[in-house]
Amino acid sequence: MAYVQGFVIPVPKAKKDAYKKLAELSAPIFQEYGALRIMENWSETTPDGKTTDFKRAVKAEDDEAVVFSWIEWADKATCDAAAEKMQNDPRWADMGDMPFDGKRMIYAGFDPIFSTDK
């Protein structure tokens, strides 16, 4: 099975188009470095949990939506190699300011243990 990087990001609702544009510009770079699939998802319903929830996880404010995204890689080695190469890729700087507060983004790498994909 593949390796997955997952992200939860608070994004101002007024910057939805800017975030989508960033995703569209970023995708070819990730793919160039080996990403197999990229999913960007804008929250439609984000219920309040009793203990925690997506909004609290990233300290989302009332004027922010939560983006749940992931990148699928062939394996962890490909992901790690891509991360190292992307650190020095000048195309990121050319994109300008990010349309979200990166300090509140959470992310992790995941080893899939079950999938319905064939």
C-alpha atoms as a PDB file:
ATOM      1  CA  MET A   1       0.000   0.000   0.000  1.00  0.00           C
ATOM      2  CA  ALA A   2       0.949   3.644  -0.442  1.00  0.00           C
ATOM      3  CA  TYR A   3       2.070   6.202   2.129  1.00  0.00           C
ATOM      4  CA  VAL A   4      -0.214   9.151   2.943  1.00  0.00           C
ATOM      5  CA  GLN A   5       0.507  12.640   4.254  1.00  0.00           C
ATOM      6  CA  GLY A   6      -2.542  14.212   5.880  1.00  0.00           C
ATOM      7  CA  PHE A   7      -3.156  17.894   6.598  1.00  0.00           C
ATOM      8  CA  VAL A   8      -5.781  19.898   8.508  1.00  0.00           C
ATOM      9  CA  ILE A   9      -5.604  23.636   7.827  1.00  0.00           C
ATOM     10  CA  PRO A  10      -7.705  26.607   8.967  1.00  0.00           C
ATOM     11  CA  VAL A  11      -8.306  28.915   5.997  1.00  0.00           C
ATOM     12  CA  PRO A  12     -10.221  32.208   6.026  1.00  0.00           C
ATOM     13  CA  LYS A  13     -13.474  31.683   4.145  1.00  0.00           C
ATOM     14  CA  ALA A  14     -12.764  34.863   2.179  1.00  0.00           C
ATOM     15  CA  LYS A  15      -9.565  33.223   0.855  1.00  0.00           C
ATOM     16  CA  LYS A  16     -11.151  30.061  -0.535  1.00  0.00           C
ATOM     17  CA  ASP A  17     -10.326  31.017  -4.138  1.00  0.00           C
ATOM     18  CA  ALA A  18      -6.742  31.894  -3.189  1.00  0.00           C
ATOM     19  CA  TYR A  19      -6.355  28.544  -1.424  1.00  0.00           C
ATOM     20  CA  LYS A  20      -7.762  26.680  -4.434  1.00  0.00           C
ATOM     21  CA  LYS A  21      -5.329  28.542  -6.715  1.00  0.00           C
ATOM     22  CA  LEU A  22      -2.446  27.598  -4.396  1.00  0.00           C
ATOM     23  CA  ALA A  23      -3.556  23.948  -4.538  1.00  0.00           C
ATOM     24  CA  GLU A  24      -3.710  24.070  -8.330  1.00  0.00           C
ATOM     25  CA  LEU A  25      -0.209  25.580  -8.538  1.00  0.00           C
ATOM     26  CA  SER A  26       1.232  23.172  -5.961  1.00  0.00           C
ATOM     27  CA  ALA A  27      -0.171  19.939  -7.377  1.00  0.00           C
ATOM     28  CA  PRO A  28       2.162  19.709 -10.393  1.00  0.00           C
ATOM     29  CA  ILE A  29       5.160  20.233  -8.115  1.00  0.00           C
ATOM     30  CA  PHE A  30       4.071  17.445  -5.778  1.00  0.00           C
ATOM     31  CA  GLN A  31       3.388  15.213  -8.787  1.00  0.00           C
ATOM     32  CA  GLU A  32       6.782  16.003 -10.295  1.00  0.00           C
ATOM     33  CA  TYR A  33       8.344  14.698  -7.080  1.00  0.00           C
ATOM     34  CA  GLY A  34       6.253  11.529  -7.077  1.00  0.00           C
ATOM     35  CA  ALA A  35       2.817  12.274  -5.579  1.00  0.00           C
ATOM     36  CA  LEU A  36       0.259   9.827  -6.935  1.00  0.00           C
ATOM     37  CA  ARG A  37      -2.900  11.566  -5.739  1.00  0.00           C
ATOM     38  CA  ILE A  38      -3.719  14.886  -4.100  1.00  0.00           C
ATOM     39  CA  MET A  39      -7.048  15.638  -2.444  1.00  0.00           C
ATOM     40  CA  GLU A  40      -8.043  19.082  -1.164  1.00  0.00           C
ATOM     41  CA  ASN A  41     -11.359  19.230   0.710  1.00  0.00           C
ATOM     42  CA  TRP A  42     -13.166  22.361   1.957  1.00  0.00           C
ATOM     43  CA  SER A  43     -15.344  21.833   5.041  1.00  0.00           C
ATOM     44  CA  GLU A  44     -19.082  21.903   4.505  1.00  0.00           C
ATOM     45  CA  THR A  45     -20.081  20.632   7.932  1.00  0.00           C
ATOM     46  CA  THR A  46     -17.728  20.799  10.872  1.00  0.00           C
ATOM     47  CA  PRO A  47     -19.675  19.769  13.967  1.00  0.00           C
ATOM     48  CA  ASP A  48     -18.567  20.726  17.448  1.00  0.00           C
ATOM     49  CA  GLY A  49     -17.289  17.701  19.323  1.00  0.00           C
ATOM     50  CA  LYS A  50     -17.670  17.029  23.029  1.00  0.00           C
ATOM     51  CA  THR A  51     -13.935  16.653  23.649  1.00  0.00           C
ATOM     52  CA  THR A  52     -12.262  17.842  20.449  1.00  0.00           C
ATOM     53  CA  ASP A  53     -13.036  18.406  16.781  1.00  0.00           C
ATOM     54  CA  PHE A  54     -11.472  19.619  13.544  1.00  0.00           C
ATOM     55  CA  LYS A  55     -12.023  23.304  14.380  1.00  0.00           C
ATOM     56  CA  ARG A  56     -10.431  23.066  17.814  1.00  0.00           C
ATOM     57  CA  ALA A  57      -7.539  20.999  16.487  1.00  0.00           C
ATOM     58  CA  VAL A  58      -6.383  23.977  14.405  1.00  0.00           C
ATOM     59  CA  LYS A  59      -7.958  26.771  16.469  1.00  0.00           C
ATOM     60  CA  ALA A  60     -10.210  27.723  13.557  1.00  0.00           C
ATOM     61  CA  GLU A  61     -12.031  31.021  14.049  1.00  0.00           C
ATOM     62  CA  ASP A  62     -15.631  31.782  13.061  1.00  0.00           C
ATOM     63  CA  ASP A  63     -14.565  33.273   9.729  1.00  0.00           C
ATOM     64  CA  GLU A  64     -12.424  30.238   8.823  1.00  0.00           C
ATOM     65  CA  ALA A  65     -13.188  26.926   7.140  1.00  0.00           C
ATOM     66  CA  VAL A  66     -11.225  23.764   7.774  1.00  0.00           C
ATOM     67  CA  VAL A  67      -9.374  22.178   4.873  1.00  0.00           C
ATOM     68  CA  PHE A  68      -8.752  18.434   5.122  1.00  0.00           C
ATOM     69  CA  SER A  69      -6.254  17.291   2.535  1.00  0.00           C
ATOM     70  CA  TRP A  70      -3.942  14.441   1.810  1.00  0.00           C
ATOM     71  CA  ILE A  71      -1.229  13.442  -0.587  1.00  0.00           C
ATOM     72  CA  GLU A  72      -0.740   9.833  -1.567  1.00  0.00           C
ATOM     73  CA  TRP A  73       2.787   8.643  -2.322  1.00  0.00           C
ATOM     74  CA  ALA A  74       4.059   5.268  -3.562  1.00  0.00           C
ATOM     75  CA  ASP A  75       5.912   4.800  -0.266  1.00  0.00           C
ATOM     76  CA  LYS A  76       7.478   6.709   2.629  1.00  0.00           C
ATOM     77  CA  ALA A  77      10.877   6.829   0.917  1.00  0.00           C
ATOM     78  CA  THR A  78       9.377   8.685  -2.060  1.00  0.00           C
ATOM     79  CA  CYS A  79       7.612  11.115   0.292  1.00  0.00           C
ATOM     80  CA  ASP A  80      10.777  11.756   2.297  1.00  0.00           C
ATOM     81  CA  ALA A  81      12.880  12.280  -0.843  1.00  0.00           C
ATOM     82  CA  ALA A  82      10.271  14.693  -2.220  1.00  0.00           C
ATOM     83  CA  ALA A  83      10.189  16.676   1.028  1.00  0.00           C
ATOM     84  CA  GLU A  84      13.946  17.112   0.935  1.00  0.00           C
ATOM     85  CA  LYS A  85      13.969  18.220  -2.720  1.00  0.00           C
ATOM     86  CA  MET A  86      11.006  20.571  -2.257  1.00  0.00           C
ATOM     87  CA  GLN A  87      12.730  22.477   0.553  1.00  0.00           C
ATOM     88  CA  ASN A  88      15.073  24.008  -2.015  1.00  0.00           C
ATOM     89  CA  ASP A  89      12.589  24.399  -4.850  1.00  0.00           C
ATOM     90  CA  PRO A  90      12.322  28.123  -5.730  1.00  0.00           C
ATOM     91  CA  ARG A  91       8.808  27.722  -7.122  1.00  0.00           C
ATOM     92  CA  TRP A  92       7.368  27.835  -3.593  1.00  0.00           C
ATOM     93  CA  ALA A  93       8.739  31.350  -3.038  1.00  0.00           C
ATOM     94  CA  ASP A  94       7.266  32.453  -6.363  1.00  0.00           C
ATOM     95  CA  MET A  95       3.766  31.665  -5.036  1.00  0.00           C
ATOM     96  CA  GLY A  96       3.862  34.540  -2.563  1.00  0.00           C
ATOM     97  CA  ASP A  97       2.084  34.627   0.789  1.00  0.00           C
ATOM     98  CA  MET A  98       0.135  31.579   1.870  1.00  0.00           C
ATOM     99  CA  PRO A  99      -3.631  32.199   2.266  1.00  0.00           C
ATOM    100  CA  PHE A 100      -3.633  30.600   5.744  1.00  0.00           C
ATOM    101  CA  ASP A 101      -1.782  30.629   9.065  1.00  0.00           C
ATOM    102  CA  GLY A 102       0.732  27.815   8.698  1.00  0.00           C
ATOM    103  CA  LYS A 103       1.442  27.780  12.433  1.00  0.00           C
ATOM    104  CA  ARG A 104      -2.026  26.298  13.018  1.00  0.00           C
ATOM    105  CA  MET A 105      -1.787  23.654  10.302  1.00  0.00           C
ATOM    106  CA  ILE A 106      -1.413  20.100  11.561  1.00  0.00           C
ATOM    107  CA  TYR A 107       0.010  17.282   9.490  1.00  0.00           C
ATOM    108  CA  ALA A 108       1.353  13.773   9.774  1.00  0.00           C
ATOM    109  CA  GLY A 109       2.464  10.797   7.726  1.00  0.00           C
ATOM    110  CA  PHE A 110       0.341   7.659   7.692  1.00  0.00           C
ATOM    111  CA  ASP A 111       0.902   4.034   6.816  1.00  0.00           C
ATOM    112  CA  PRO A 112      -2.415   2.754   5.409  1.00  0.00           C
ATOM    113  CA  ILE A 113      -3.681  -0.393   7.109  1.00  0.00           C
ATOM    114  CA  PHE A 114      -6.901  -0.907   5.105  1.00  0.00           C
ATOM    115  CA  SER A 115      -8.300   0.281   1.784  1.00  0.00           C
ATOM    116  CA  THR A 116     -11.200  -0.637  -0.475  1.00  0.00           C
ATOM    117  CA  ASP A 117      -9.102   0.300  -3.532  1.00  0.00           C
ATOM    118  CA  LYS A 118      -8.342  -2.606  -5.808  1.00  0.00           C
END
